[in-house]
Amino acid sequence: MTLEQDLVAALAKDLGPSAPQFLKRQCEAHLKKSPSSLTKADLDELAKWCYTGVKISLGEQTANKVKDNIIRLK
């Protein structure tokens, strides 16, 4: 699997079918790149932004789970 596929799978655990769109939005808005061009070096920054995005709508507990799932891919 690619890193993008791994990220979508990790996000889908908590975000369900919205995971691919959420990943795309976070990558393009904050990292200024597409999900397909992500590297493991991007994961800390991505985890930070995903945490922030999820916390707003789903709460801190879910946001922490999402962040941890992303960091585990390193």
Protein backbone atom coordinates (compact mmCIF):
# COMPACT_ATOMS: atom_id res chain seq x y z
CA MET A 1 0.00 0.00 0.00
CA THR A 2 1.07 3.57 -0.59
CA LEU A 3 1.43 6.09 2.21
CA GLU A 4 -1.72 7.80 0.95
CA GLN A 5 -3.68 4.53 1.15
CA ASP A 6 -2.30 3.87 4.64
CA LEU A 7 -3.37 7.35 5.74
CA VAL A 8 -6.87 6.97 4.33
CA ALA A 9 -7.22 3.62 6.11
CA ALA A 10 -5.99 5.15 9.39
CA LEU A 11 -8.33 8.12 9.09
CA ALA A 12 -11.30 5.97 8.05
CA LYS A 13 -11.25 4.26 11.46
CA ASP A 14 -12.64 7.46 12.95
CA LEU A 15 -13.87 9.50 9.98
CA GLY A 16 -15.48 6.78 7.88
CA PRO A 17 -16.09 7.49 4.20
CA SER A 18 -15.10 11.15 4.56
CA ALA A 19 -11.46 10.16 5.18
CA PRO A 20 -10.15 10.64 1.60
CA GLN A 21 -11.68 14.10 1.26
CA PHE A 22 -10.50 15.13 4.73
CA LEU A 23 -6.96 14.00 3.92
CA LYS A 24 -6.98 15.88 0.64
CA ARG A 25 -8.25 19.06 2.27
CA GLN A 26 -5.65 18.95 5.06
CA CYS A 27 -2.79 18.24 2.66
CA GLU A 28 -3.69 20.92 0.14
CA ALA A 29 -4.59 23.62 2.65
CA HIS A 30 -1.78 23.18 5.15
CA LEU A 31 1.05 21.22 3.54
CA LYS A 32 0.51 22.65 0.04
CA LYS A 33 0.78 19.23 -1.61
CA SER A 34 -1.41 16.42 -2.79
CA PRO A 35 -1.92 13.30 -0.67
CA SER A 36 -0.12 11.22 -3.31
CA SER A 37 3.07 13.24 -2.87
CA LEU A 38 3.28 12.85 0.92
CA THR A 39 6.37 11.33 2.49
CA LYS A 40 6.95 10.05 6.00
CA ALA A 41 8.73 13.35 6.71
CA ASP A 42 5.33 15.07 6.34
CA LEU A 43 3.55 12.96 8.93
CA ASP A 44 4.28 15.08 12.02
CA GLU A 45 2.93 18.22 10.36
CA LEU A 46 -0.02 16.35 8.89
CA ALA A 47 -0.85 14.81 12.28
CA LYS A 48 -0.89 18.28 13.83
CA TRP A 49 -3.33 19.64 11.26
CA CYS A 50 -5.54 16.56 11.29
CA TYR A 51 -5.70 16.79 15.09
CA THR A 52 -6.84 20.40 14.84
CA GLY A 53 -9.42 19.65 12.14
CA VAL A 54 -10.91 16.66 13.94
CA LYS A 55 -10.93 18.30 17.37
CA ILE A 56 -13.21 21.07 16.12
CA SER A 57 -15.92 18.70 14.97
CA LEU A 58 -15.45 15.39 16.81
CA GLY A 59 -13.69 16.33 20.04
CA GLU A 60 -10.29 15.95 21.62
CA GLN A 61 -10.47 12.21 22.30
CA THR A 62 -11.10 11.36 18.65
CA ALA A 63 -8.55 13.95 17.54
CA ASN A 64 -5.89 12.30 19.69
CA LYS A 65 -6.72 8.89 18.20
CA VAL A 66 -6.41 10.29 14.67
CA LYS A 67 -3.08 11.96 15.49
CA ASP A 68 -1.70 8.77 17.05
CA ASN A 69 -2.80 6.66 14.08
CA ILE A 70 -0.96 9.00 11.69
CA ILE A 71 2.22 9.08 13.79
CA ARG A 72 2.25 5.25 13.90
CA LEU A 73 2.76 5.22 10.12
CA LYS A 74 6.24 6.66 10.55
